[in-house]
């Protein structure tokens, strides 16, 4: 890319967990100009507003309300926006930034406003959407999902909670189920992007590790239409994601990535933009699992992937498969 074509990029909220990760992925890029705001200017609304309207592309790494306010400040119709918050993921006029879903890559390339997916939602949608599209799972199927994730997914507050704890107490919080009232901010996008009739019954568990994620989709064969096998599901996923560089489908029932005790680590895709998909089955049940880095493909990596598509760069530029 010659200098005349260099695009300017501004990360609004560059000191938060997601913002720092995006900045790290962009720091070595020579094809973009990274606009930064000095520490003494961070509270200067005029400087920030100027950057929001000068940049060719803006990442919003802010709480939901602050992201909505930032969008109102952007008056330049040429500024493209990638919002990493929950604020706009099902909002009219915004494109959902999951390019591996059929039709989304083309929409992202043309979009002015891109909503970066939630981490849980990424794994959930990548597993379920192809199965609903292909008629293997009915939209009325009572979907259940659960997840294990690193504590970085909770942002600075949760990171401080875990890392500031007396290590003698670590065993007491080795895992923390949350969302016991079954409301979660990712549910709207999880439902909308998988085309299911009701939100899933979803339980996330936060583990005592920094990053890494497993999302589970258990299916009961007798509740599925027809005589669906694990192989049917595996073949559907293989066909849907053929040629997708960041999706790796393991062989049906593969146990090569399990440790000697039969455990699957949530850490296996850390520091990559890869999503690994697993399918296991027994006589009456099927289990689909997705594994990825909640700060990578679950947040910052996905944001950079969407930026690459929006700016017409190689989609994997600056990302590790």
C-alpha atoms as a PDB file:
ATOM      1  CA  UNK A   1       0.000   0.000   0.000  1.00  0.00           C
ATOM      2  CA  UNK A   2       1.581   3.321  -1.038  1.00  0.00           C
ATOM      3  CA  UNK A   3       1.633   6.253   1.328  1.00  0.00           C
ATOM      4  CA  UNK A   4      -1.162   8.099  -0.458  1.00  0.00           C
ATOM      5  CA  UNK A   5      -3.551   5.284   0.350  1.00  0.00           C
ATOM      6  CA  UNK A   6      -2.629   5.077   4.032  1.00  0.00           C
ATOM      7  CA  UNK A   7      -5.708   5.075   6.248  1.00  0.00           C
ATOM      8  CA  UNK A   8      -5.908   6.748   9.640  1.00  0.00           C
ATOM      9  CA  UNK A   9      -7.306   4.788  12.587  1.00  0.00           C
ATOM     10  CA  UNK A  10      -8.331   6.065  16.025  1.00  0.00           C
ATOM     11  CA  UNK A  11      -9.050   3.827  19.035  1.00  0.00           C
ATOM     12  CA  UNK A  12     -11.451   5.639  21.367  1.00  0.00           C
ATOM     13  CA  UNK A  13     -10.966   4.032  24.760  1.00  0.00           C
ATOM     14  CA  UNK A  14      -7.462   2.841  23.980  1.00  0.00           C
ATOM     15  CA  UNK A  15      -6.580   2.278  27.639  1.00  0.00           C
ATOM     16  CA  UNK A  16      -9.300  -0.297  28.359  1.00  0.00           C
ATOM     17  CA  UNK A  17      -8.829  -4.064  28.055  1.00  0.00           C
ATOM     18  CA  UNK A  18     -10.100  -4.289  24.450  1.00  0.00           C
ATOM     19  CA  UNK A  19      -8.517  -1.011  23.397  1.00  0.00           C
ATOM     20  CA  UNK A  20      -5.081  -2.039  24.629  1.00  0.00           C
ATOM     21  CA  UNK A  21      -5.344  -5.352  22.763  1.00  0.00           C
ATOM     22  CA  UNK A  22      -6.374  -3.587  19.538  1.00  0.00           C
ATOM     23  CA  UNK A  23      -3.511  -1.096  19.909  1.00  0.00           C
ATOM     24  CA  UNK A  24      -1.102  -3.994  20.381  1.00  0.00           C
ATOM     25  CA  UNK A  25      -2.318  -5.654  17.166  1.00  0.00           C
ATOM     26  CA  UNK A  26      -2.022  -2.405  15.221  1.00  0.00           C
ATOM     27  CA  UNK A  27       1.307  -1.207  16.643  1.00  0.00           C
ATOM     28  CA  UNK A  28       3.418  -3.039  14.063  1.00  0.00           C
ATOM     29  CA  UNK A  29       1.258  -2.119  11.075  1.00  0.00           C
ATOM     30  CA  UNK A  30       2.922   0.063   8.454  1.00  0.00           C
ATOM     31  CA  UNK A  31      -0.151   0.386   6.230  1.00  0.00           C
ATOM     32  CA  UNK A  32      -2.180   2.543   8.648  1.00  0.00           C
ATOM     33  CA  UNK A  33      -1.596   5.723  10.635  1.00  0.00           C
ATOM     34  CA  UNK A  34      -2.561   5.152  14.258  1.00  0.00           C
ATOM     35  CA  UNK A  35      -3.938   8.351  15.776  1.00  0.00           C
ATOM     36  CA  UNK A  36      -3.235   8.678  19.487  1.00  0.00           C
ATOM     37  CA  UNK A  37      -4.327  11.146  22.122  1.00  0.00           C
ATOM     38  CA  UNK A  38      -1.823  12.442  24.672  1.00  0.00           C
ATOM     39  CA  UNK A  39      -2.406  11.675  28.342  1.00  0.00           C
ATOM     40  CA  UNK A  40      -2.950  15.356  29.112  1.00  0.00           C
ATOM     41  CA  UNK A  41      -5.521  15.621  26.286  1.00  0.00           C
ATOM     42  CA  UNK A  42      -7.593  12.568  27.215  1.00  0.00           C
ATOM     43  CA  UNK A  43     -10.107  14.740  29.072  1.00  0.00           C
ATOM     44  CA  UNK A  44     -10.220  17.334  26.266  1.00  0.00           C
ATOM     45  CA  UNK A  45     -13.541  16.708  24.529  1.00  0.00           C
ATOM     46  CA  UNK A  46     -12.578  18.935  21.591  1.00  0.00           C
ATOM     47  CA  UNK A  47      -9.423  16.971  20.764  1.00  0.00           C
ATOM     48  CA  UNK A  48     -11.274  13.668  21.019  1.00  0.00           C
ATOM     49  CA  UNK A  49     -14.158  14.869  18.851  1.00  0.00           C
ATOM     50  CA  UNK A  50     -11.689  16.118  16.223  1.00  0.00           C
ATOM     51  CA  UNK A  51     -10.019  12.690  16.059  1.00  0.00           C
ATOM     52  CA  UNK A  52     -13.385  10.905  15.872  1.00  0.00           C
ATOM     53  CA  UNK A  53     -14.206  12.909  12.747  1.00  0.00           C
ATOM     54  CA  UNK A  54     -10.742  12.973  11.166  1.00  0.00           C
ATOM     55  CA  UNK A  55     -10.050   9.239  11.234  1.00  0.00           C
ATOM     56  CA  UNK A  56     -10.902   7.003   8.300  1.00  0.00           C
ATOM     57  CA  UNK A  57     -11.884   4.336  10.831  1.00  0.00           C
ATOM     58  CA  UNK A  58     -12.701   4.546  14.537  1.00  0.00           C
ATOM     59  CA  UNK A  59     -12.811   1.728  17.092  1.00  0.00           C
ATOM     60  CA  UNK A  60     -15.113   2.401  20.046  1.00  0.00           C
ATOM     61  CA  UNK A  61     -13.818   0.536  23.114  1.00  0.00           C
ATOM     62  CA  UNK A  62     -16.180   2.103  25.605  1.00  0.00           C
ATOM     63  CA  UNK A  63     -19.060   1.219  27.946  1.00  0.00           C
ATOM     64  CA  UNK A  64     -22.409   1.033  26.121  1.00  0.00           C
ATOM     65  CA  UNK A  65     -23.714   4.505  27.014  1.00  0.00           C
ATOM     66  CA  UNK A  66     -20.373   6.145  26.191  1.00  0.00           C
ATOM     67  CA  UNK A  67     -20.333   4.326  22.842  1.00  0.00           C
ATOM     68  CA  UNK A  68     -23.793   5.693  22.007  1.00  0.00           C
ATOM     69  CA  UNK A  69     -22.601   9.209  22.892  1.00  0.00           C
ATOM     70  CA  UNK A  70     -19.456   8.800  20.769  1.00  0.00           C
ATOM     71  CA  UNK A  71     -21.524   7.810  17.730  1.00  0.00           C
ATOM     72  CA  UNK A  72     -23.505  11.061  18.083  1.00  0.00           C
ATOM     73  CA  UNK A  73     -20.233  13.021  17.950  1.00  0.00           C
ATOM     74  CA  UNK A  74     -19.240  11.524  14.589  1.00  0.00           C
ATOM     75  CA  UNK A  75     -20.606  13.804  11.870  1.00  0.00           C
ATOM     76  CA  UNK A  76     -18.166  12.906   9.104  1.00  0.00           C
ATOM     77  CA  UNK A  77     -20.044  10.520   6.758  1.00  0.00           C
ATOM     78  CA  UNK A  78     -16.713   9.088   5.582  1.00  0.00           C
ATOM     79  CA  UNK A  79     -15.685   7.886   9.052  1.00  0.00           C
ATOM     80  CA  UNK A  80     -16.204   4.147   9.453  1.00  0.00           C
ATOM     81  CA  UNK A  81     -16.992   2.897  12.965  1.00  0.00           C
ATOM     82  CA  UNK A  82     -16.378  -0.460  14.666  1.00  0.00           C
ATOM     83  CA  UNK A  83     -18.119  -0.541  18.045  1.00  0.00           C
ATOM     84  CA  UNK A  84     -16.744  -3.144  20.469  1.00  0.00           C
ATOM     85  CA  UNK A  85     -19.507  -2.503  23.040  1.00  0.00           C
ATOM     86  CA  UNK A  86     -22.912  -4.189  23.296  1.00  0.00           C
ATOM     87  CA  UNK A  87     -24.699  -0.970  22.329  1.00  0.00           C
ATOM     88  CA  UNK A  88     -25.369  -1.521  18.623  1.00  0.00           C
ATOM     89  CA  UNK A  89     -25.193  -5.275  17.982  1.00  0.00           C
ATOM     90  CA  UNK A  90     -28.866  -5.606  17.102  1.00  0.00           C
ATOM     91  CA  UNK A  91     -29.440  -1.932  16.204  1.00  0.00           C
ATOM     92  CA  UNK A  92     -30.894  -0.922  12.822  1.00  0.00           C
ATOM     93  CA  UNK A  93     -28.270   0.423  10.447  1.00  0.00           C
ATOM     94  CA  UNK A  94     -25.418  -1.539  12.024  1.00  0.00           C
ATOM     95  CA  UNK A  95     -23.778  -4.604  10.449  1.00  0.00           C
ATOM     96  CA  UNK A  96     -22.902  -7.506  12.753  1.00  0.00           C
ATOM     97  CA  UNK A  97     -19.158  -8.099  12.429  1.00  0.00           C
ATOM     98  CA  UNK A  98     -18.920 -11.877  12.150  1.00  0.00           C
ATOM     99  CA  UNK A  99     -17.607 -12.398   8.602  1.00  0.00           C
ATOM    100  CA  UNK A 100     -17.700 -16.201   8.747  1.00  0.00           C
ATOM    101  CA  UNK A 101     -21.516 -16.127   8.722  1.00  0.00           C
ATOM    102  CA  UNK A 102     -22.969 -16.314   5.209  1.00  0.00           C
ATOM    103  CA  UNK A 103     -23.433 -12.876   3.649  1.00  0.00           C
ATOM    104  CA  UNK A 104     -21.803 -10.913   6.470  1.00  0.00           C
ATOM    105  CA  UNK A 105     -18.353 -10.421   4.904  1.00  0.00           C
ATOM    106  CA  UNK A 106     -19.826  -8.494   1.970  1.00  0.00           C
ATOM    107  CA  UNK A 107     -21.967  -6.390   4.319  1.00  0.00           C
ATOM    108  CA  UNK A 108     -18.941  -5.584   6.521  1.00  0.00           C
ATOM    109  CA  UNK A 109     -16.908  -4.505   3.478  1.00  0.00           C
ATOM    110  CA  UNK A 110     -19.592  -1.973   2.550  1.00  0.00           C
ATOM    111  CA  UNK A 111     -20.683  -0.887   6.034  1.00  0.00           C
ATOM    112  CA  UNK A 112     -20.136   2.476   7.674  1.00  0.00           C
ATOM    113  CA  UNK A 113     -21.195   1.095  11.088  1.00  0.00           C
ATOM    114  CA  UNK A 114     -19.970  -2.319  12.253  1.00  0.00           C
ATOM    115  CA  UNK A 115     -20.904  -3.882  15.611  1.00  0.00           C
ATOM    116  CA  UNK A 116     -18.149  -6.161  16.903  1.00  0.00           C
ATOM    117  CA  UNK A 117     -19.614  -9.391  18.349  1.00  0.00           C
ATOM    118  CA  UNK A 118     -19.616 -10.391  21.996  1.00  0.00           C
ATOM    119  CA  UNK A 119     -17.206 -13.135  23.018  1.00  0.00           C
ATOM    120  CA  UNK A 120     -19.805 -15.684  24.159  1.00  0.00           C
ATOM    121  CA  UNK A 121     -21.970 -14.832  21.167  1.00  0.00           C
ATOM    122  CA  UNK A 122     -19.101 -15.498  18.738  1.00  0.00           C
ATOM    123  CA  UNK A 123     -18.656 -19.113  19.801  1.00  0.00           C
ATOM    124  CA  UNK A 124     -22.390 -19.710  20.138  1.00  0.00           C
ATOM    125  CA  UNK A 125     -23.345 -18.265  16.745  1.00  0.00           C
ATOM    126  CA  UNK A 126     -20.533 -20.033  14.888  1.00  0.00           C
ATOM    127  CA  UNK A 127     -21.787 -23.379  16.235  1.00  0.00           C
ATOM    128  CA  UNK A 128     -25.542 -22.918  15.909  1.00  0.00           C
ATOM    129  CA  UNK A 129     -26.167 -20.652  12.932  1.00  0.00           C
ATOM    130  CA  UNK A 130     -25.130 -23.209  10.252  1.00  0.00           C
ATOM    131  CA  UNK A 131     -27.302 -25.869  11.900  1.00  0.00           C
ATOM    132  CA  UNK A 132     -30.379 -23.627  11.893  1.00  0.00           C
ATOM    133  CA  UNK A 133     -29.688 -22.426   8.333  1.00  0.00           C
ATOM    134  CA  UNK A 134     -29.465 -26.013   7.106  1.00  0.00           C
ATOM    135  CA  UNK A 135     -32.606 -27.132   8.974  1.00  0.00           C
ATOM    136  CA  UNK A 136     -30.748 -29.505  11.324  1.00  0.00           C
ATOM    137  CA  UNK A 137     -31.822 -27.555  14.417  1.00  0.00           C
ATOM    138  CA  UNK A 138     -35.320 -26.057  14.287  1.00  0.00           C
ATOM    139  CA  UNK A 139     -35.756 -22.401  15.303  1.00  0.00           C
ATOM    140  CA  UNK A 140     -38.107 -23.665  18.042  1.00  0.00           C
ATOM    141  CA  UNK A 141     -35.547 -26.080  19.547  1.00  0.00           C
ATOM    142  CA  UNK A 142     -35.028 -25.231  23.260  1.00  0.00           C
ATOM    143  CA  UNK A 143     -31.371 -24.211  22.988  1.00  0.00           C
ATOM    144  CA  UNK A 144     -29.063 -24.549  25.985  1.00  0.00           C
ATOM    145  CA  UNK A 145     -25.506 -23.216  26.120  1.00  0.00           C
ATOM    146  CA  UNK A 146     -22.877 -22.839  28.802  1.00  0.00           C
ATOM    147  CA  UNK A 147     -19.388 -21.450  28.780  1.00  0.00           C
ATOM    148  CA  UNK A 148     -16.096 -21.220  30.636  1.00  0.00           C
ATOM    149  CA  UNK A 149     -14.047 -18.063  30.217  1.00  0.00           C
ATOM    150  CA  UNK A 150     -11.048 -16.221  31.603  1.00  0.00           C
ATOM    151  CA  UNK A 151     -11.667 -13.314  33.927  1.00  0.00           C
ATOM    152  CA  UNK A 152     -10.361 -10.719  31.458  1.00  0.00           C
ATOM    153  CA  UNK A 153     -13.807 -10.892  29.830  1.00  0.00           C
ATOM    154  CA  UNK A 154     -15.179  -8.933  32.783  1.00  0.00           C
ATOM    155  CA  UNK A 155     -12.981  -5.900  32.149  1.00  0.00           C
ATOM    156  CA  UNK A 156     -10.814  -3.975  34.587  1.00  0.00           C
ATOM    157  CA  UNK A 157     -13.105  -4.458  37.602  1.00  0.00           C
ATOM    158  CA  UNK A 158     -13.178  -8.243  37.377  1.00  0.00           C
ATOM    159  CA  UNK A 159      -9.468  -8.410  36.551  1.00  0.00           C
ATOM    160  CA  UNK A 160      -8.748  -6.459  39.728  1.00  0.00           C
ATOM    161  CA  UNK A 161     -11.049  -8.752  41.729  1.00  0.00           C
ATOM    162  CA  UNK A 162      -9.203 -11.869  40.621  1.00  0.00           C
ATOM    163  CA  UNK A 163      -5.650 -10.539  40.573  1.00  0.00           C
ATOM    164  CA  UNK A 164      -5.950  -8.671  43.855  1.00  0.00           C
ATOM    165  CA  UNK A 165      -7.144 -11.679  45.804  1.00  0.00           C
ATOM    166  CA  UNK A 166      -5.205 -13.401  48.572  1.00  0.00           C
ATOM    167  CA  UNK A 167      -3.890 -16.500  46.799  1.00  0.00           C
ATOM    168  CA  UNK A 168      -4.913 -18.605  49.804  1.00  0.00           C
ATOM    169  CA  UNK A 169      -8.482 -17.829  48.747  1.00  0.00           C
ATOM    170  CA  UNK A 170      -7.989 -18.735  45.094  1.00  0.00           C
ATOM    171  CA  UNK A 171      -9.587 -22.159  45.475  1.00  0.00           C
ATOM    172  CA  UNK A 172     -12.736 -20.502  46.755  1.00  0.00           C
ATOM    173  CA  UNK A 173     -13.160 -18.686  43.438  1.00  0.00           C
ATOM    174  CA  UNK A 174     -11.573 -21.233  41.120  1.00  0.00           C
ATOM    175  CA  UNK A 175     -14.770 -20.953  39.103  1.00  0.00           C
ATOM    176  CA  UNK A 176     -17.643 -18.537  39.419  1.00  0.00           C
ATOM    177  CA  UNK A 177     -20.949 -19.286  37.681  1.00  0.00           C
ATOM    178  CA  UNK A 178     -22.775 -16.058  36.884  1.00  0.00           C
ATOM    179  CA  UNK A 179     -26.001 -15.084  35.130  1.00  0.00           C
ATOM    180  CA  UNK A 180     -28.025 -17.342  37.439  1.00  0.00           C
ATOM    181  CA  UNK A 181     -31.121 -15.260  36.714  1.00  0.00           C
ATOM    182  CA  UNK A 182     -30.500 -16.122  33.045  1.00  0.00           C
ATOM    183  CA  UNK A 183     -30.292 -12.587  31.728  1.00  0.00           C
ATOM    184  CA  UNK A 184     -27.097 -11.695  29.869  1.00  0.00           C
ATOM    185  CA  UNK A 185     -26.169  -8.755  27.642  1.00  0.00           C
ATOM    186  CA  UNK A 186     -25.120 -11.068  24.792  1.00  0.00           C
ATOM    187  CA  UNK A 187     -28.505 -12.835  24.578  1.00  0.00           C
ATOM    188  CA  UNK A 188     -30.110 -10.478  22.002  1.00  0.00           C
ATOM    189  CA  UNK A 189     -27.331 -10.988  19.449  1.00  0.00           C
ATOM    190  CA  UNK A 190     -27.143 -14.719  20.241  1.00  0.00           C
ATOM    191  CA  UNK A 191     -30.825 -15.070  19.409  1.00  0.00           C
ATOM    192  CA  UNK A 192     -30.903 -12.701  16.433  1.00  0.00           C
ATOM    193  CA  UNK A 193     -27.887 -14.134  14.635  1.00  0.00           C
ATOM    194  CA  UNK A 194     -28.938 -17.785  15.058  1.00  0.00           C
ATOM    195  CA  UNK A 195     -32.567 -17.126  14.046  1.00  0.00           C
ATOM    196  CA  UNK A 196     -33.987 -19.033  17.025  1.00  0.00           C
ATOM    197  CA  UNK A 197     -37.450 -18.305  18.418  1.00  0.00           C
ATOM    198  CA  UNK A 198     -36.426 -17.863  22.065  1.00  0.00           C
ATOM    199  CA  UNK A 199     -33.170 -16.743  23.711  1.00  0.00           C
ATOM    200  CA  UNK A 200     -30.943 -19.665  24.717  1.00  0.00           C
ATOM    201  CA  UNK A 201     -30.785 -20.954  28.279  1.00  0.00           C
ATOM    202  CA  UNK A 202     -27.255 -19.674  28.849  1.00  0.00           C
ATOM    203  CA  UNK A 203     -24.862 -20.039  31.793  1.00  0.00           C
ATOM    204  CA  UNK A 204     -21.325 -18.579  31.717  1.00  0.00           C
ATOM    205  CA  UNK A 205     -18.697 -19.623  34.250  1.00  0.00           C
ATOM    206  CA  UNK A 206     -15.699 -17.376  34.940  1.00  0.00           C
ATOM    207  CA  UNK A 207     -12.534 -19.316  35.724  1.00  0.00           C
ATOM    208  CA  UNK A 208      -9.424 -18.278  37.621  1.00  0.00           C
ATOM    209  CA  UNK A 209      -7.305 -17.710  34.502  1.00  0.00           C
ATOM    210  CA  UNK A 210      -6.766 -14.521  32.522  1.00  0.00           C
ATOM    211  CA  UNK A 211      -8.004 -15.399  29.041  1.00  0.00           C
ATOM    212  CA  UNK A 212      -9.311 -18.291  26.979  1.00  0.00           C
ATOM    213  CA  UNK A 213     -12.822 -19.559  26.354  1.00  0.00           C
ATOM    214  CA  UNK A 214     -14.937 -22.640  25.746  1.00  0.00           C
ATOM    215  CA  UNK A 215     -18.577 -22.353  24.641  1.00  0.00           C
ATOM    216  CA  UNK A 216     -20.748 -25.474  24.641  1.00  0.00           C
ATOM    217  CA  UNK A 217     -23.830 -26.384  22.611  1.00  0.00           C
ATOM    218  CA  UNK A 218     -25.410 -29.619  23.920  1.00  0.00           C
ATOM    219  CA  UNK A 219     -28.027 -31.214  21.658  1.00  0.00           C
ATOM    220  CA  UNK A 220     -30.422 -34.080  22.386  1.00  0.00           C
ATOM    221  CA  UNK A 221     -30.913 -36.307  19.340  1.00  0.00           C
ATOM    222  CA  UNK A 222     -34.505 -37.227  20.152  1.00  0.00           C
ATOM    223  CA  UNK A 223     -35.472 -33.541  20.205  1.00  0.00           C
ATOM    224  CA  UNK A 224     -33.987 -32.847  16.765  1.00  0.00           C
ATOM    225  CA  UNK A 225     -36.034 -33.255  13.603  1.00  0.00           C
ATOM    226  CA  UNK A 226     -35.223 -36.454  11.733  1.00  0.00           C
ATOM    227  CA  UNK A 227     -32.478 -38.884  12.595  1.00  0.00           C
ATOM    228  CA  UNK A 228     -29.597 -36.456  13.112  1.00  0.00           C
ATOM    229  CA  UNK A 229     -26.145 -37.827  13.935  1.00  0.00           C
ATOM    230  CA  UNK A 230     -22.940 -36.197  15.066  1.00  0.00           C
ATOM    231  CA  UNK A 231     -21.589 -36.869  11.587  1.00  0.00           C
ATOM    232  CA  UNK A 232     -24.457 -34.887  10.039  1.00  0.00           C
ATOM    233  CA  UNK A 233     -23.595 -31.931  12.246  1.00  0.00           C
ATOM    234  CA  UNK A 234     -19.873 -32.283  11.613  1.00  0.00           C
ATOM    235  CA  UNK A 235     -20.416 -32.412   7.837  1.00  0.00           C
ATOM    236  CA  UNK A 236     -22.704 -29.363   7.975  1.00  0.00           C
ATOM    237  CA  UNK A 237     -20.077 -27.347   9.837  1.00  0.00           C
ATOM    238  CA  UNK A 238     -17.326 -28.537   7.476  1.00  0.00           C
ATOM    239  CA  UNK A 239     -19.303 -27.443   4.419  1.00  0.00           C
ATOM    240  CA  UNK A 240     -20.319 -24.105   5.931  1.00  0.00           C
ATOM    241  CA  UNK A 241     -16.789 -23.102   6.965  1.00  0.00           C
ATOM    242  CA  UNK A 242     -14.879 -24.542   3.997  1.00  0.00           C
ATOM    243  CA  UNK A 243     -12.065 -22.114   3.187  1.00  0.00           C
ATOM    244  CA  UNK A 244     -12.453 -20.009   6.349  1.00  0.00           C
ATOM    245  CA  UNK A 245      -8.907 -19.396   7.552  1.00  0.00           C
ATOM    246  CA  UNK A 246      -9.789 -18.711  11.185  1.00  0.00           C
ATOM    247  CA  UNK A 247     -12.188 -21.637  11.710  1.00  0.00           C
ATOM    248  CA  UNK A 248     -10.604 -25.025  12.419  1.00  0.00           C
ATOM    249  CA  UNK A 249     -12.991 -27.980  12.641  1.00  0.00           C
ATOM    250  CA  UNK A 250     -11.433 -30.952  14.421  1.00  0.00           C
ATOM    251  CA  UNK A 251     -12.262 -34.497  13.235  1.00  0.00           C
ATOM    252  CA  UNK A 252     -15.494 -35.961  14.641  1.00  0.00           C
ATOM    253  CA  UNK A 253     -14.887 -37.243  18.166  1.00  0.00           C
ATOM    254  CA  UNK A 254     -11.250 -36.162  18.034  1.00  0.00           C
ATOM    255  CA  UNK A 255      -9.475 -36.432  21.383  1.00  0.00           C
ATOM    256  CA  UNK A 256      -5.978 -35.412  20.281  1.00  0.00           C
ATOM    257  CA  UNK A 257      -6.271 -31.990  21.951  1.00  0.00           C
ATOM    258  CA  UNK A 258      -7.500 -33.378  25.268  1.00  0.00           C
ATOM    259  CA  UNK A 259      -4.982 -33.861  28.055  1.00  0.00           C
ATOM    260  CA  UNK A 260      -4.233 -37.292  29.511  1.00  0.00           C
ATOM    261  CA  UNK A 261      -7.173 -37.029  31.880  1.00  0.00           C
ATOM    262  CA  UNK A 262      -9.575 -36.309  29.036  1.00  0.00           C
ATOM    263  CA  UNK A 263      -9.891 -32.606  29.821  1.00  0.00           C
ATOM    264  CA  UNK A 264     -10.203 -29.853  27.200  1.00  0.00           C
ATOM    265  CA  UNK A 265      -8.285 -26.723  28.161  1.00  0.00           C
ATOM    266  CA  UNK A 266      -9.917 -23.325  27.537  1.00  0.00           C
ATOM    267  CA  UNK A 267      -6.447 -21.901  26.836  1.00  0.00           C
ATOM    268  CA  UNK A 268      -5.632 -23.707  23.587  1.00  0.00           C
ATOM    269  CA  UNK A 269      -6.315 -20.818  21.175  1.00  0.00           C
ATOM    270  CA  UNK A 270      -4.867 -18.004  23.273  1.00  0.00           C
ATOM    271  CA  UNK A 271      -2.963 -15.270  21.396  1.00  0.00           C
ATOM    272  CA  UNK A 272      -4.553 -16.322  18.091  1.00  0.00           C
ATOM    273  CA  UNK A 273      -7.631 -15.323  16.082  1.00  0.00           C
ATOM    274  CA  UNK A 274      -8.529 -19.005  15.615  1.00  0.00           C
ATOM    275  CA  UNK A 275     -11.784 -20.708  16.574  1.00  0.00           C
ATOM    276  CA  UNK A 276     -11.586 -24.466  17.005  1.00  0.00           C
ATOM    277  CA  UNK A 277     -14.821 -26.436  16.691  1.00  0.00           C
ATOM    278  CA  UNK A 278     -15.292 -29.914  18.196  1.00  0.00           C
ATOM    279  CA  UNK A 279     -18.154 -32.374  17.759  1.00  0.00           C
ATOM    280  CA  UNK A 280     -18.668 -35.333  20.109  1.00  0.00           C
ATOM    281  CA  UNK A 281     -21.580 -37.756  20.404  1.00  0.00           C
ATOM    282  CA  UNK A 282     -22.954 -40.807  22.130  1.00  0.00           C
ATOM    283  CA  UNK A 283     -26.102 -42.836  21.426  1.00  0.00           C
ATOM    284  CA  UNK A 284     -28.539 -40.091  22.365  1.00  0.00           C
ATOM    285  CA  UNK A 285     -26.612 -36.851  22.655  1.00  0.00           C
ATOM    286  CA  UNK A 286     -24.351 -34.545  20.661  1.00  0.00           C
ATOM    287  CA  UNK A 287     -21.972 -31.931  22.042  1.00  0.00           C
ATOM    288  CA  UNK A 288     -20.567 -29.113  19.913  1.00  0.00           C
ATOM    289  CA  UNK A 289     -17.762 -27.058  21.470  1.00  0.00           C
ATOM    290  CA  UNK A 290     -16.019 -23.883  20.344  1.00  0.00           C
ATOM    291  CA  UNK A 291     -12.656 -22.787  21.724  1.00  0.00           C
ATOM    292  CA  UNK A 292     -11.023 -19.394  21.190  1.00  0.00           C
ATOM    293  CA  UNK A 293      -9.321 -16.454  22.882  1.00  0.00           C
ATOM    294  CA  UNK A 294     -11.981 -14.214  24.430  1.00  0.00           C
ATOM    295  CA  UNK A 295      -9.653 -11.231  23.873  1.00  0.00           C
ATOM    296  CA  UNK A 296      -8.738 -12.420  20.349  1.00  0.00           C
ATOM    297  CA  UNK A 297     -11.522 -13.670  18.084  1.00  0.00           C
ATOM    298  CA  UNK A 298     -13.828 -12.875  21.016  1.00  0.00           C
ATOM    299  CA  UNK A 299     -12.967  -9.155  20.970  1.00  0.00           C
ATOM    300  CA  UNK A 300      -9.856  -7.372  19.682  1.00  0.00           C
ATOM    301  CA  UNK A 301      -8.810  -9.855  17.014  1.00  0.00           C
ATOM    302  CA  UNK A 302     -12.310  -9.813  15.572  1.00  0.00           C
ATOM    303  CA  UNK A 303     -12.263  -5.999  15.575  1.00  0.00           C
ATOM    304  CA  UNK A 304      -9.001  -5.930  13.599  1.00  0.00           C
ATOM    305  CA  UNK A 305     -10.339  -8.604  11.226  1.00  0.00           C
ATOM    306  CA  UNK A 306     -13.395  -6.414  10.605  1.00  0.00           C
ATOM    307  CA  UNK A 307     -11.156  -3.376  10.077  1.00  0.00           C
ATOM    308  CA  UNK A 308      -9.108  -5.298   7.514  1.00  0.00           C
ATOM    309  CA  UNK A 309     -12.270  -6.198   5.593  1.00  0.00           C
ATOM    310  CA  UNK A 310     -13.648  -2.656   5.818  1.00  0.00           C
ATOM    311  CA  UNK A 311     -10.400  -1.099   4.563  1.00  0.00           C
ATOM    312  CA  UNK A 312      -9.870  -3.681   1.830  1.00  0.00           C
ATOM    313  CA  UNK A 313      -6.713  -5.167   3.392  1.00  0.00           C
ATOM    314  CA  UNK A 314      -5.807  -8.835   3.625  1.00  0.00           C
ATOM    315  CA  UNK A 315      -8.289 -10.127   6.199  1.00  0.00           C
ATOM    316  CA  UNK A 316      -5.657 -11.786   8.357  1.00  0.00           C
ATOM    317  CA  UNK A 317      -3.171  -8.912   8.402  1.00  0.00           C
ATOM    318  CA  UNK A 318      -1.681  -8.608  11.889  1.00  0.00           C
ATOM    319  CA  UNK A 319      -3.596 -11.663  13.155  1.00  0.00           C
ATOM    320  CA  UNK A 320      -2.299 -15.125  14.046  1.00  0.00           C
ATOM    321  CA  UNK A 321      -4.231 -18.135  12.794  1.00  0.00           C
END
